[in-house]
Amino acid sequence: MDKQTLLASIRFNADGLVPAIAQDYASGRVLMMAWMNEEAIRQTLATGFAHYYSRSRQRQWKKGETSGHVQRVRELLLDCDGDTLLLKIEQHGPACHTNRTSCFYRRLEHDTWHTIEEPRNEP
């Protein structure tokens, strides 16, 4: 399948974005959720490393471009509706900007959020 056909099968929202969930390839743990536009998907396919689109900065970015905590993409999956991507990745360093392995580090227990993972000590 050529890239144009592949991209045409993805249902982008009105802003030209699609949610992308990054999941650890080995453990299955969900690490983060970000947005991708068509160019981010093209760059991901071309390089083998995850690229996303920042809504706040209004630009594409490569995960780990400043921290070195890159994501090597092992598998790319599209959900049944064609409107969400799942990237199974090899994460190098923490995935979260808070220096945690996962962005999902708070669990609801008895109507209160509890931190279940502390930040890593290394930079």
PDB file of N, CA and C in Angstrom:
ATOM      1  N   MET A   1       0.854  -1.176   0.000  1.00  0.00           N
ATOM      2  CA  MET A   1       0.000   0.000   0.000  1.00  0.00           C
ATOM      3  C   MET A   1       0.899   1.238   0.000  1.00  0.00           C
ATOM      4  N   ASP A   2       0.622   2.169  -0.897  1.00  0.00           N
ATOM      5  CA  ASP A   2       1.432   3.382  -0.924  1.00  0.00           C
ATOM      6  C   ASP A   2       1.016   4.299   0.231  1.00  0.00           C
ATOM      7  N   LYS A   3       1.877   5.269   0.559  1.00  0.00           N
ATOM      8  CA  LYS A   3       1.637   6.135   1.721  1.00  0.00           C
ATOM      9  C   LYS A   3       0.376   6.969   1.577  1.00  0.00           C
ATOM     10  N   GLN A   4       0.052   7.401   0.369  1.00  0.00           N
ATOM     11  CA  GLN A   4      -1.148   8.220   0.186  1.00  0.00           C
ATOM     12  C   GLN A   4      -2.408   7.414   0.480  1.00  0.00           C
ATOM     13  N   THR A   5      -2.452   6.160   0.037  1.00  0.00           N
ATOM     14  CA  THR A   5      -3.586   5.282   0.318  1.00  0.00           C
ATOM     15  C   THR A   5      -3.666   4.988   1.811  1.00  0.00           C
ATOM     16  N   LEU A   6      -2.505   4.737   2.413  1.00  0.00           N
ATOM     17  CA  LEU A   6      -2.446   4.477   3.848  1.00  0.00           C
ATOM     18  C   LEU A   6      -2.976   5.679   4.626  1.00  0.00           C
ATOM     19  N   LEU A   7      -2.539   6.876   4.287  1.00  0.00           N
ATOM     20  CA  LEU A   7      -2.989   8.089   4.978  1.00  0.00           C
ATOM     21  C   LEU A   7      -4.472   8.359   4.737  1.00  0.00           C
ATOM     22  N   ALA A   8      -4.971   8.022   3.562  1.00  0.00           N
ATOM     23  CA  ALA A   8      -6.385   8.244   3.239  1.00  0.00           C
ATOM     24  C   ALA A   8      -7.297   7.367   4.089  1.00  0.00           C
ATOM     25  N   SER A   9      -6.768   6.273   4.632  1.00  0.00           N
ATOM     26  CA  SER A   9      -7.588   5.386   5.455  1.00  0.00           C
ATOM     27  C   SER A   9      -7.711   5.881   6.899  1.00  0.00           C
ATOM     28  N   ILE A  10      -6.956   6.915   7.256  1.00  0.00           N
ATOM     29  CA  ILE A  10      -7.019   7.476   8.605  1.00  0.00           C
ATOM     30  C   ILE A  10      -8.036   8.612   8.630  1.00  0.00           C
ATOM     31  N   ARG A  11      -8.912   8.592   9.622  1.00  0.00           N
ATOM     32  CA  ARG A  11      -9.929   9.644   9.769  1.00  0.00           C
ATOM     33  C   ARG A  11      -9.410  10.715  10.716  1.00  0.00           C
ATOM     34  N   PHE A  12      -8.863  11.780  10.154  1.00  0.00           N
ATOM     35  CA  PHE A  12      -8.376  12.905  10.935  1.00  0.00           C
ATOM     36  C   PHE A  12      -9.564  13.738  11.404  1.00  0.00           C
ATOM     37  N   ASN A  13      -9.424  14.424  12.543  1.00  0.00           N
ATOM     38  CA  ASN A  13     -10.512  15.292  13.012  1.00  0.00           C
ATOM     39  C   ASN A  13     -10.527  16.592  12.211  1.00  0.00           C
ATOM     40  N   ALA A  14     -11.405  17.510  12.576  1.00  0.00           N
ATOM     41  CA  ALA A  14     -11.563  18.764  11.834  1.00  0.00           C
ATOM     42  C   ALA A  14     -10.294  19.605  11.827  1.00  0.00           C
ATOM     43  N   ASP A  15      -9.415  19.392  12.806  1.00  0.00           N
ATOM     44  CA  ASP A  15      -8.142  20.122  12.871  1.00  0.00           C
ATOM     45  C   ASP A  15      -7.023  19.408  12.129  1.00  0.00           C
ATOM     46  N   GLY A  16      -7.350  18.287  11.477  1.00  0.00           N
ATOM     47  CA  GLY A  16      -6.334  17.533  10.745  1.00  0.00           C
ATOM     48  C   GLY A  16      -5.458  16.678  11.642  1.00  0.00           C
ATOM     49  N   LEU A  17      -6.000  16.303  12.808  1.00  0.00           N
ATOM     50  CA  LEU A  17      -5.232  15.535  13.791  1.00  0.00           C
ATOM     51  C   LEU A  17      -5.914  14.206  14.104  1.00  0.00           C
ATOM     52  N   VAL A  18      -5.109  13.279  14.600  1.00  0.00           N
ATOM     53  CA  VAL A  18      -5.622  11.989  15.045  1.00  0.00           C
ATOM     54  C   VAL A  18      -4.921  11.656  16.367  1.00  0.00           C
ATOM     55  N   PRO A  19      -5.672  11.164  17.383  1.00  0.00           N
ATOM     56  CA  PRO A  19      -5.015  10.774  18.628  1.00  0.00           C
ATOM     57  C   PRO A  19      -4.113   9.566  18.400  1.00  0.00           C
ATOM     58  N   ALA A  20      -2.972   9.584  19.085  1.00  0.00           N
ATOM     59  CA  ALA A  20      -2.003   8.492  18.967  1.00  0.00           C
ATOM     60  C   ALA A  20      -1.598   8.056  20.366  1.00  0.00           C
ATOM     61  N   ILE A  21      -1.799   6.794  20.658  1.00  0.00           N
ATOM     62  CA  ILE A  21      -1.458   6.227  21.957  1.00  0.00           C
ATOM     63  C   ILE A  21      -0.138   5.488  21.801  1.00  0.00           C
ATOM     64  N   ALA A  22       0.825   5.802  22.671  1.00  0.00           N
ATOM     65  CA  ALA A  22       2.116   5.104  22.668  1.00  0.00           C
ATOM     66  C   ALA A  22       2.087   4.046  23.764  1.00  0.00           C
ATOM     67  N   GLN A  23       2.357   2.812  23.352  1.00  0.00           N
ATOM     68  CA  GLN A  23       2.328   1.675  24.262  1.00  0.00           C
ATOM     69  C   GLN A  23       3.683   0.984  24.213  1.00  0.00           C
ATOM     70  N   ASP A  24       4.214   0.606  25.372  1.00  0.00           N
ATOM     71  CA  ASP A  24       5.491  -0.095  25.413  1.00  0.00           C
ATOM     72  C   ASP A  24       5.359  -1.445  24.711  1.00  0.00           C
ATOM     73  N   TYR A  25       6.221  -1.681  23.751  1.00  0.00           N
ATOM     74  CA  TYR A  25       6.147  -2.898  22.932  1.00  0.00           C
ATOM     75  C   TYR A  25       6.320  -4.155  23.778  1.00  0.00           C
ATOM     76  N   ALA A  26       7.235  -4.128  24.736  1.00  0.00           N
ATOM     77  CA  ALA A  26       7.535  -5.329  25.525  1.00  0.00           C
ATOM     78  C   ALA A  26       6.524  -5.563  26.637  1.00  0.00           C
ATOM     79  N   SER A  27       6.191  -4.518  27.410  1.00  0.00           N
ATOM     80  CA  SER A  27       5.356  -4.710  28.595  1.00  0.00           C
ATOM     81  C   SER A  27       3.859  -4.522  28.337  1.00  0.00           C
ATOM     82  N   GLY A  28       3.513  -3.776  27.289  1.00  0.00           N
ATOM     83  CA  GLY A  28       2.117  -3.478  27.015  1.00  0.00           C
ATOM     84  C   GLY A  28       1.589  -2.279  27.788  1.00  0.00           C
ATOM     85  N   ARG A  29       2.431  -1.669  28.612  1.00  0.00           N
ATOM     86  CA  ARG A  29       1.992  -0.512  29.410  1.00  0.00           C
ATOM     87  C   ARG A  29       1.753   0.699  28.508  1.00  0.00           C
ATOM     88  N   VAL A  30       0.639   1.395  28.723  1.00  0.00           N
ATOM     89  CA  VAL A  30       0.361   2.626  27.996  1.00  0.00           C
ATOM     90  C   VAL A  30       1.262   3.710  28.576  1.00  0.00           C
ATOM     91  N   LEU A  31       2.023   4.382  27.711  1.00  0.00           N
ATOM     92  CA  LEU A  31       2.989   5.369  28.163  1.00  0.00           C
ATOM     93  C   LEU A  31       2.501   6.802  28.012  1.00  0.00           C
ATOM     94  N   MET A  32       1.808   7.093  26.929  1.00  0.00           N
ATOM     95  CA  MET A  32       1.369   8.469  26.701  1.00  0.00           C
ATOM     96  C   MET A  32       0.351   8.517  25.575  1.00  0.00           C
ATOM     97  N   MET A  33      -0.291   9.654  25.461  1.00  0.00           N
ATOM     98  CA  MET A  33      -1.187   9.950  24.351  1.00  0.00           C
ATOM     99  C   MET A  33      -0.751  11.294  23.793  1.00  0.00           C
ATOM    100  N   ALA A  34      -0.700  11.399  22.488  1.00  0.00           N
ATOM    101  CA  ALA A  34      -0.351  12.654  21.825  1.00  0.00           C
ATOM    102  C   ALA A  34      -1.163  12.731  20.539  1.00  0.00           C
ATOM    103  N   TRP A  35      -0.941  13.792  19.789  1.00  0.00           N
ATOM    104  CA  TRP A  35      -1.653  13.988  18.524  1.00  0.00           C
ATOM    105  C   TRP A  35      -0.682  13.868  17.366  1.00  0.00           C
ATOM    106  N   MET A  36      -1.186  13.371  16.248  1.00  0.00           N
ATOM    107  CA  MET A  36      -0.388  13.298  15.026  1.00  0.00           C
ATOM    108  C   MET A  36      -1.167  13.966  13.901  1.00  0.00           C
ATOM    109  N   ASN A  37      -0.454  14.667  13.044  1.00  0.00           N
ATOM    110  CA  ASN A  37      -1.040  15.144  11.801  1.00  0.00           C
ATOM    111  C   ASN A  37      -0.437  14.306  10.673  1.00  0.00           C
ATOM    112  N   GLU A  38      -0.815  14.596   9.450  1.00  0.00           N
ATOM    113  CA  GLU A  38      -0.336  13.794   8.321  1.00  0.00           C
ATOM    114  C   GLU A  38       1.188  13.832   8.225  1.00  0.00           C
ATOM    115  N   GLU A  39       1.781  14.998   8.413  1.00  0.00           N
ATOM    116  CA  GLU A  39       3.239  15.109   8.306  1.00  0.00           C
ATOM    117  C   GLU A  39       3.939  14.318   9.410  1.00  0.00           C
ATOM    118  N   ALA A  40       3.403  14.327  10.620  1.00  0.00           N
ATOM    119  CA  ALA A  40       3.993  13.550  11.711  1.00  0.00           C
ATOM    120  C   ALA A  40       3.963  12.056  11.385  1.00  0.00           C
ATOM    121  N   ILE A  41       2.881  11.605  10.790  1.00  0.00           N
ATOM    122  CA  ILE A  41       2.791  10.190  10.401  1.00  0.00           C
ATOM    123  C   ILE A  41       3.808   9.892   9.301  1.00  0.00           C
ATOM    124  N   ARG A  42       3.914  10.784   8.330  1.00  0.00           N
ATOM    125  CA  ARG A  42       4.906  10.585   7.260  1.00  0.00           C
ATOM    126  C   ARG A  42       6.325  10.482   7.824  1.00  0.00           C
ATOM    127  N   GLN A  43       6.658  11.381   8.760  1.00  0.00           N
ATOM    128  CA  GLN A  43       7.996  11.374   9.355  1.00  0.00           C
ATOM    129  C   GLN A  43       8.222  10.117  10.190  1.00  0.00           C
ATOM    130  N   THR A  44       7.190   9.677  10.890  1.00  0.00           N
ATOM    131  CA  THR A  44       7.280   8.450  11.675  1.00  0.00           C
ATOM    132  C   THR A  44       7.554   7.262  10.765  1.00  0.00           C
ATOM    133  N   LEU A  45       6.832   7.177   9.672  1.00  0.00           N
ATOM    134  CA  LEU A  45       7.029   6.074   8.726  1.00  0.00           C
ATOM    135  C   LEU A  45       8.400   6.139   8.065  1.00  0.00           C
ATOM    136  N   ALA A  46       8.862   7.338   7.769  1.00  0.00           N
ATOM    137  CA  ALA A  46      10.148   7.505   7.081  1.00  0.00           C
ATOM    138  C   ALA A  46      11.343   7.204   7.980  1.00  0.00           C
ATOM    139  N   THR A  47      11.226   7.565   9.270  1.00  0.00           N
ATOM    140  CA  THR A  47      12.385   7.453  10.160  1.00  0.00           C
ATOM    141  C   THR A  47      12.340   6.247  11.092  1.00  0.00           C
ATOM    142  N   GLY A  48      11.135   5.744  11.375  1.00  0.00           N
ATOM    143  CA  GLY A  48      11.002   4.657  12.340  1.00  0.00           C
ATOM    144  C   GLY A  48      10.942   5.145  13.781  1.00  0.00           C
ATOM    145  N   PHE A  49      10.960   6.466  13.972  1.00  0.00           N
ATOM    146  CA  PHE A  49      10.858   7.065  15.299  1.00  0.00           C
ATOM    147  C   PHE A  49       9.593   7.918  15.365  1.00  0.00           C
ATOM    148  N   ALA A  50       8.955   7.949  16.545  1.00  0.00           N
ATOM    149  CA  ALA A  50       7.681   8.641  16.706  1.00  0.00           C
ATOM    150  C   ALA A  50       7.835  10.152  16.584  1.00  0.00           C
ATOM    151  N   HIS A  51       6.974  10.725  15.747  1.00  0.00           N
ATOM    152  CA  HIS A  51       6.834  12.172  15.595  1.00  0.00           C
ATOM    153  C   HIS A  51       5.382  12.512  15.903  1.00  0.00           C
ATOM    154  N   TYR A  52       5.174  13.636  16.544  1.00  0.00           N
ATOM    155  CA  TYR A  52       3.836  14.045  16.934  1.00  0.00           C
ATOM    156  C   TYR A  52       3.603  15.496  16.523  1.00  0.00           C
ATOM    157  N   TYR A  53       2.383  15.969  16.770  1.00  0.00           N
ATOM    158  CA  TYR A  53       2.057  17.367  16.508  1.00  0.00           C
ATOM    159  C   TYR A  53       1.660  18.018  17.825  1.00  0.00           C
ATOM    160  N   SER A  54       2.315  19.113  18.168  1.00  0.00           N
ATOM    161  CA  SER A  54       2.009  19.842  19.392  1.00  0.00           C
ATOM    162  C   SER A  54       0.948  20.894  19.107  1.00  0.00           C
ATOM    163  N   ARG A  55      -0.191  20.762  19.766  1.00  0.00           N
ATOM    164  CA  ARG A  55      -1.254  21.749  19.593  1.00  0.00           C
ATOM    165  C   ARG A  55      -0.876  23.081  20.238  1.00  0.00           C
ATOM    166  N   SER A  56      -0.162  23.043  21.347  1.00  0.00           N
ATOM    167  CA  SER A  56       0.205  24.289  22.025  1.00  0.00           C
ATOM    168  C   SER A  56       1.292  25.056  21.263  1.00  0.00           C
ATOM    169  N   ARG A  57       2.251  24.338  20.698  1.00  0.00           N
ATOM    170  CA  ARG A  57       3.335  24.993  19.951  1.00  0.00           C
ATOM    171  C   ARG A  57       3.012  25.125  18.462  1.00  0.00           C
ATOM    172  N   GLN A  58       1.931  24.475  18.043  1.00  0.00           N
ATOM    173  CA  GLN A  58       1.511  24.512  16.636  1.00  0.00           C
ATOM    174  C   GLN A  58       2.625  24.058  15.692  1.00  0.00           C
ATOM    175  N   ARG A  59       3.260  22.951  16.058  1.00  0.00           N
ATOM    176  CA  ARG A  59       4.312  22.415  15.192  1.00  0.00           C
ATOM    177  C   ARG A  59       4.525  20.930  15.464  1.00  0.00           C
ATOM    178  N   GLN A  60       5.122  20.295  14.493  1.00  0.00           N
ATOM    179  CA  GLN A  60       5.480  18.895  14.601  1.00  0.00           C
ATOM    180  C   GLN A  60       6.737  18.769  15.457  1.00  0.00           C
ATOM    181  N   TRP A  61       6.856  17.652  16.185  1.00  0.00           N
ATOM    182  CA  TRP A  61       8.062  17.410  16.975  1.00  0.00           C
ATOM    183  C   TRP A  61       8.374  15.931  17.023  1.00  0.00           C
ATOM    184  N   LYS A  62       9.645  15.633  17.098  1.00  0.00           N
ATOM    185  CA  LYS A  62      10.090  14.252  17.263  1.00  0.00           C
ATOM    186  C   LYS A  62      10.200  13.989  18.757  1.00  0.00           C
ATOM    187  N   LYS A  63       9.559  12.948  19.233  1.00  0.00           N
ATOM    188  CA  LYS A  63       9.644  12.585  20.643  1.00  0.00           C
ATOM    189  C   LYS A  63      11.107  12.364  20.997  1.00  0.00           C
ATOM    190  N   GLY A  64      11.572  13.094  22.011  1.00  0.00           N
ATOM    191  CA  GLY A  64      12.948  12.952  22.455  1.00  0.00           C
ATOM    192  C   GLY A  64      13.929  13.874  21.768  1.00  0.00           C
ATOM    193  N   GLU A  65      13.438  14.809  20.945  1.00  0.00           N
ATOM    194  CA  GLU A  65      14.353  15.673  20.193  1.00  0.00           C
ATOM    195  C   GLU A  65      15.227  16.524  21.107  1.00  0.00           C
ATOM    196  N   THR A  66      14.750  16.867  22.296  1.00  0.00           N
ATOM    197  CA  THR A  66      15.591  17.621  23.227  1.00  0.00           C
ATOM    198  C   THR A  66      16.072  16.764  24.388  1.00  0.00           C
ATOM    199  N   SER A  67      15.266  15.808  24.838  1.00  0.00           N
ATOM    200  CA  SER A  67      15.628  14.985  25.999  1.00  0.00           C
ATOM    201  C   SER A  67      16.454  13.754  25.639  1.00  0.00           C
ATOM    202  N   GLY A  68      16.361  13.325  24.400  1.00  0.00           N
ATOM    203  CA  GLY A  68      17.006  12.068  24.011  1.00  0.00           C
ATOM    204  C   GLY A  68      16.147  10.847  24.305  1.00  0.00           C
ATOM    205  N   HIS A  69      14.947  11.049  24.850  1.00  0.00           N
ATOM    206  CA  HIS A  69      14.052   9.947  25.211  1.00  0.00           C
ATOM    207  C   HIS A  69      13.175   9.572  24.018  1.00  0.00           C
ATOM    208  N   VAL A  70      13.799   9.038  22.992  1.00  0.00           N
ATOM    209  CA  VAL A  70      13.130   8.749  21.732  1.00  0.00           C
ATOM    210  C   VAL A  70      12.274   7.489  21.824  1.00  0.00           C
ATOM    211  N   GLN A  71      11.374   7.369  20.858  1.00  0.00           N
ATOM    212  CA  GLN A  71      10.502   6.205  20.755  1.00  0.00           C
ATOM    213  C   GLN A  71      10.713   5.551  19.397  1.00  0.00           C
ATOM    214  N   ARG A  72      11.265   4.347  19.403  1.00  0.00           N
ATOM    215  CA  ARG A  72      11.413   3.578  18.166  1.00  0.00           C
ATOM    216  C   ARG A  72      10.115   2.809  17.944  1.00  0.00           C
ATOM    217  N   VAL A  73       9.501   3.014  16.804  1.00  0.00           N
ATOM    218  CA  VAL A  73       8.203   2.399  16.516  1.00  0.00           C
ATOM    219  C   VAL A  73       8.413   0.983  16.000  1.00  0.00           C
ATOM    220  N   ARG A  74       7.801   0.034  16.691  1.00  0.00           N
ATOM    221  CA  ARG A  74       7.870  -1.378  16.287  1.00  0.00           C
ATOM    222  C   ARG A  74       6.635  -1.786  15.495  1.00  0.00           C
ATOM    223  N   GLU A  75       5.464  -1.241  15.880  1.00  0.00           N
ATOM    224  CA  GLU A  75       4.214  -1.530  15.177  1.00  0.00           C
ATOM    225  C   GLU A  75       3.350  -0.285  15.183  1.00  0.00           C
ATOM    226  N   LEU A  76       2.574  -0.126  14.128  1.00  0.00           N
ATOM    227  CA  LEU A  76       1.602   0.962  14.039  1.00  0.00           C
ATOM    228  C   LEU A  76       0.254   0.330  13.728  1.00  0.00           C
ATOM    229  N   LEU A  77      -0.734   0.583  14.586  1.00  0.00           N
ATOM    230  CA  LEU A  77      -2.057  -0.001  14.417  1.00  0.00           C
ATOM    231  C   LEU A  77      -3.096   1.103  14.315  1.00  0.00           C
ATOM    232  N   LEU A  78      -4.156   0.822  13.565  1.00  0.00           N
ATOM    233  CA  LEU A  78      -5.273   1.730  13.373  1.00  0.00           C
ATOM    234  C   LEU A  78      -6.517   1.069  13.934  1.00  0.00           C
ATOM    235  N   ASP A  79      -7.317   1.804  14.715  1.00  0.00           N
ATOM    236  CA  ASP A  79      -8.499   1.207  15.329  1.00  0.00           C
ATOM    237  C   ASP A  79      -9.611   0.972  14.304  1.00  0.00           C
ATOM    238  N   CYS A  80     -10.688   0.326  14.757  1.00  0.00           N
ATOM    239  CA  CYS A  80     -11.776  -0.089  13.877  1.00  0.00           C
ATOM    240  C   CYS A  80     -12.475   1.069  13.178  1.00  0.00           C
ATOM    241  N   ASP A  81     -12.526   2.229  13.817  1.00  0.00           N
ATOM    242  CA  ASP A  81     -13.164   3.401  13.215  1.00  0.00           C
ATOM    243  C   ASP A  81     -12.202   4.214  12.351  1.00  0.00           C
ATOM    244  N   GLY A  82     -10.931   3.879  12.424  1.00  0.00           N
ATOM    245  CA  GLY A  82      -9.931   4.598  11.641  1.00  0.00           C
ATOM    246  C   GLY A  82      -9.578   5.960  12.202  1.00  0.00           C
ATOM    247  N   ASP A  83      -9.960   6.197  13.480  1.00  0.00           N
ATOM    248  CA  ASP A  83      -9.736   7.538  14.019  1.00  0.00           C
ATOM    249  C   ASP A  83      -8.815   7.594  15.244  1.00  0.00           C
ATOM    250  N   THR A  84      -8.102   6.517  15.523  1.00  0.00           N
ATOM    251  CA  THR A  84      -7.118   6.488  16.605  1.00  0.00           C
ATOM    252  C   THR A  84      -5.982   5.557  16.216  1.00  0.00           C
ATOM    253  N   LEU A  85      -4.757   6.013  16.461  1.00  0.00           N
ATOM    254  CA  LEU A  85      -3.577   5.199  16.186  1.00  0.00           C
ATOM    255  C   LEU A  85      -3.009   4.645  17.480  1.00  0.00           C
ATOM    256  N   LEU A  86      -2.420   3.470  17.389  1.00  0.00           N
ATOM    257  CA  LEU A  86      -1.688   2.864  18.494  1.00  0.00           C
ATOM    258  C   LEU A  86      -0.273   2.598  17.997  1.00  0.00           C
ATOM    259  N   LEU A  87       0.694   3.211  18.665  1.00  0.00           N
ATOM    260  CA  LEU A  87       2.094   2.994  18.326  1.00  0.00           C
ATOM    261  C   LEU A  87       2.689   2.087  19.387  1.00  0.00           C
ATOM    262  N   LYS A  88       3.129   0.911  18.994  1.00  0.00           N
ATOM    263  CA  LYS A  88       3.840   0.029  19.914  1.00  0.00           C
ATOM    264  C   LYS A  88       5.315   0.370  19.744  1.00  0.00           C
ATOM    265  N   ILE A  89       5.909   0.854  20.845  1.00  0.00           N
ATOM    266  CA  ILE A  89       7.222   1.467  20.729  1.00  0.00           C
ATOM    267  C   ILE A  89       8.225   0.879  21.719  1.00  0.00           C
ATOM    268  N   GLU A  90       9.490   1.084  21.397  1.00  0.00           N
ATOM    269  CA  GLU A  90      10.580   0.858  22.341  1.00  0.00           C
ATOM    270  C   GLU A  90      10.947   2.237  22.867  1.00  0.00           C
ATOM    271  N   GLN A  91      10.681   2.467  24.130  1.00  0.00           N
ATOM    272  CA  GLN A  91      10.936   3.763  24.751  1.00  0.00           C
ATOM    273  C   GLN A  91      12.354   3.804  25.303  1.00  0.00           C
ATOM    274  N   HIS A  92      13.082   4.853  24.975  1.00  0.00           N
ATOM    275  CA  HIS A  92      14.423   5.067  25.518  1.00  0.00           C
ATOM    276  C   HIS A  92      14.342   6.215  26.512  1.00  0.00           C
ATOM    277  N   GLY A  93      14.435   5.896  27.822  1.00  0.00           N
ATOM    278  CA  GLY A  93      14.257   6.893  28.869  1.00  0.00           C
ATOM    279  C   GLY A  93      12.786   7.051  29.195  1.00  0.00           C
ATOM    280  N   PRO A  94      12.445   7.995  30.088  1.00  0.00           N
ATOM    281  CA  PRO A  94      11.053   8.209  30.457  1.00  0.00           C
ATOM    282  C   PRO A  94      10.229   8.729  29.282  1.00  0.00           C
ATOM    283  N   ALA A  95       8.974   8.338  29.232  1.00  0.00           N
ATOM    284  CA  ALA A  95       8.075   8.842  28.182  1.00  0.00           C
ATOM    285  C   ALA A  95       7.456  10.175  28.576  1.00  0.00           C
ATOM    286  N   CYS A  96       7.247  10.391  29.864  1.00  0.00           N
ATOM    287  CA  CYS A  96       6.537  11.577  30.345  1.00  0.00           C
ATOM    288  C   CYS A  96       7.499  12.736  30.588  1.00  0.00           C
ATOM    289  N   HIS A  97       7.022  13.952  30.309  1.00  0.00           N
ATOM    290  CA  HIS A  97       7.839  15.138  30.549  1.00  0.00           C
ATOM    291  C   HIS A  97       8.076  15.388  32.034  1.00  0.00           C
ATOM    292  N   THR A  98       7.359  14.659  32.903  1.00  0.00           N
ATOM    293  CA  THR A  98       7.571  14.768  34.352  1.00  0.00           C
ATOM    294  C   THR A  98       8.688  13.834  34.816  1.00  0.00           C
ATOM    295  N   ASN A  99       9.351  13.191  33.881  1.00  0.00           N
ATOM    296  CA  ASN A  99      10.453  12.251  34.129  1.00  0.00           C
ATOM    297  C   ASN A  99       9.968  10.924  34.717  1.00  0.00           C
ATOM    298  N   ARG A 100       8.721  10.576  34.410  1.00  0.00           N
ATOM    299  CA  ARG A 100       8.174   9.282  34.804  1.00  0.00           C
ATOM    300  C   ARG A 100       8.126   8.369  33.585  1.00  0.00           C
ATOM    301  N   THR A 101       8.076   7.079  33.827  1.00  0.00           N
ATOM    302  CA  THR A 101       8.005   6.113  32.739  1.00  0.00           C
ATOM    303  C   THR A 101       6.780   6.338  31.885  1.00  0.00           C
ATOM    304  N   SER A 102       5.648   6.605  32.529  1.00  0.00           N
ATOM    305  CA  SER A 102       4.374   6.787  31.842  1.00  0.00           C
ATOM    306  C   SER A 102       3.718   8.089  32.280  1.00  0.00           C
ATOM    307  N   CYS A 103       2.957   8.696  31.388  1.00  0.00           N
ATOM    308  CA  CYS A 103       2.167   9.877  31.736  1.00  0.00           C
ATOM    309  C   CYS A 103       0.982   9.494  32.622  1.00  0.00           C
ATOM    310  N   PHE A 104       0.646   8.223  32.659  1.00  0.00           N
ATOM    311  CA  PHE A 104      -0.485   7.739  33.449  1.00  0.00           C
ATOM    312  C   PHE A 104       0.036   7.219  34.793  1.00  0.00           C
ATOM    313  N   TYR A 105       0.335   8.144  35.687  1.00  0.00           N
ATOM    314  CA  TYR A 105       0.936   7.800  36.977  1.00  0.00           C
ATOM    315  C   TYR A 105       0.031   8.143  38.159  1.00  0.00           C
ATOM    316  N   ARG A 106      -1.222   8.507  37.879  1.00  0.00           N
ATOM    317  CA  ARG A 106      -2.180   8.787  38.953  1.00  0.00           C
ATOM    318  C   ARG A 106      -3.368   7.844  38.827  1.00  0.00           C
ATOM    319  N   ARG A 107      -3.727   7.214  39.944  1.00  0.00           N
ATOM    320  CA  ARG A 107      -4.830   6.250  39.956  1.00  0.00           C
ATOM    321  C   ARG A 107      -5.920   6.762  40.902  1.00  0.00           C
ATOM    322  N   LEU A 108      -7.162   6.654  40.471  1.00  0.00           N
ATOM    323  CA  LEU A 108      -8.297   7.053  41.295  1.00  0.00           C
ATOM    324  C   LEU A 108      -8.588   5.977  42.328  1.00  0.00           C
ATOM    325  N   GLU A 109      -8.528   6.368  43.598  1.00  0.00           N
ATOM    326  CA  GLU A 109      -8.843   5.464  44.702  1.00  0.00           C
ATOM    327  C   GLU A 109      -9.718   6.221  45.692  1.00  0.00           C
ATOM    328  N   HIS A 110     -10.941   5.766  45.860  1.00  0.00           N
ATOM    329  CA  HIS A 110     -11.873   6.372  46.815  1.00  0.00           C
ATOM    330  C   HIS A 110     -12.018   7.875  46.567  1.00  0.00           C
ATOM    331  N   ASP A 111     -12.306   8.237  45.332  1.00  0.00           N
ATOM    332  CA  ASP A 111     -12.558   9.624  44.919  1.00  0.00           C
ATOM    333  C   ASP A 111     -11.359  10.558  45.072  1.00  0.00           C
ATOM    334  N   THR A 112     -10.153  10.007  45.116  1.00  0.00           N
ATOM    335  CA  THR A 112      -8.940  10.813  45.227  1.00  0.00           C
ATOM    336  C   THR A 112      -7.870  10.251  44.280  1.00  0.00           C
ATOM    337  N   TRP A 113      -7.150  11.158  43.629  1.00  0.00           N
ATOM    338  CA  TRP A 113      -6.044  10.733  42.770  1.00  0.00           C
ATOM    339  C   TRP A 113      -4.819  10.449  43.626  1.00  0.00           C
ATOM    340  N   HIS A 114      -4.242   9.260  43.439  1.00  0.00           N
ATOM    341  CA  HIS A 114      -3.031   8.857  44.162  1.00  0.00           C
ATOM    342  C   HIS A 114      -1.902   8.650  43.158  1.00  0.00           C
ATOM    343  N   THR A 115      -0.759   9.219  43.477  1.00  0.00           N
ATOM    344  CA  THR A 115       0.425   9.041  42.640  1.00  0.00           C
ATOM    345  C   THR A 115       0.961   7.640  42.853  1.00  0.00           C
ATOM    346  N   ILE A 116       1.095   6.895  41.767  1.00  0.00           N
ATOM    347  CA  ILE A 116       1.557   5.509  41.861  1.00  0.00           C
ATOM    348  C   ILE A 116       2.965   5.335  41.308  1.00  0.00           C
ATOM    349  N   GLU A 117       3.560   6.413  40.809  1.00  0.00           N
ATOM    350  CA  GLU A 117       4.920   6.334  40.282  1.00  0.00           C
ATOM    351  C   GLU A 117       5.607   7.681  40.483  1.00  0.00           C
ATOM    352  N   GLU A 118       6.756   7.655  41.097  1.00  0.00           N
ATOM    353  CA  GLU A 118       7.525   8.880  41.319  1.00  0.00           C
ATOM    354  C   GLU A 118       8.442   9.122  40.112  1.00  0.00           C
ATOM    355  N   PRO A 119       8.872  10.380  39.921  1.00  0.00           N
ATOM    356  CA  PRO A 119       9.796  10.681  38.811  1.00  0.00           C
ATOM    357  C   PRO A 119      11.131   9.963  39.003  1.00  0.00           C
ATOM    358  N   ARG A 120      11.772   9.677  37.895  1.00  0.00           N
ATOM    359  CA  ARG A 120      13.118   9.105  37.935  1.00  0.00           C
ATOM    360  C   ARG A 120      14.089  10.175  38.415  1.00  0.00           C
ATOM    361  N   ASN A 121      15.164   9.761  39.033  1.00  0.00           N
ATOM    362  CA  ASN A 121      16.160  10.698  39.541  1.00  0.00           C
ATOM    363  C   ASN A 121      17.138  11.166  38.484  1.00  0.00           C
ATOM    364  N   GLU A 122      17.399  10.325  37.491  1.00  0.00           N
ATOM    365  CA  GLU A 122      18.361  10.720  36.454  1.00  0.00           C
ATOM    366  C   GLU A 122      17.777  11.829  35.586  1.00  0.00           C
ATOM    367  N   PRO A 123      18.623  12.658  34.983  1.00  0.00           N
ATOM    368  CA  PRO A 123      18.138  13.784  34.154  1.00  0.00           C
ATOM    369  C   PRO A 123      17.391  13.342  32.925  1.00  0.00           C
TER     370      PRO A 123
END
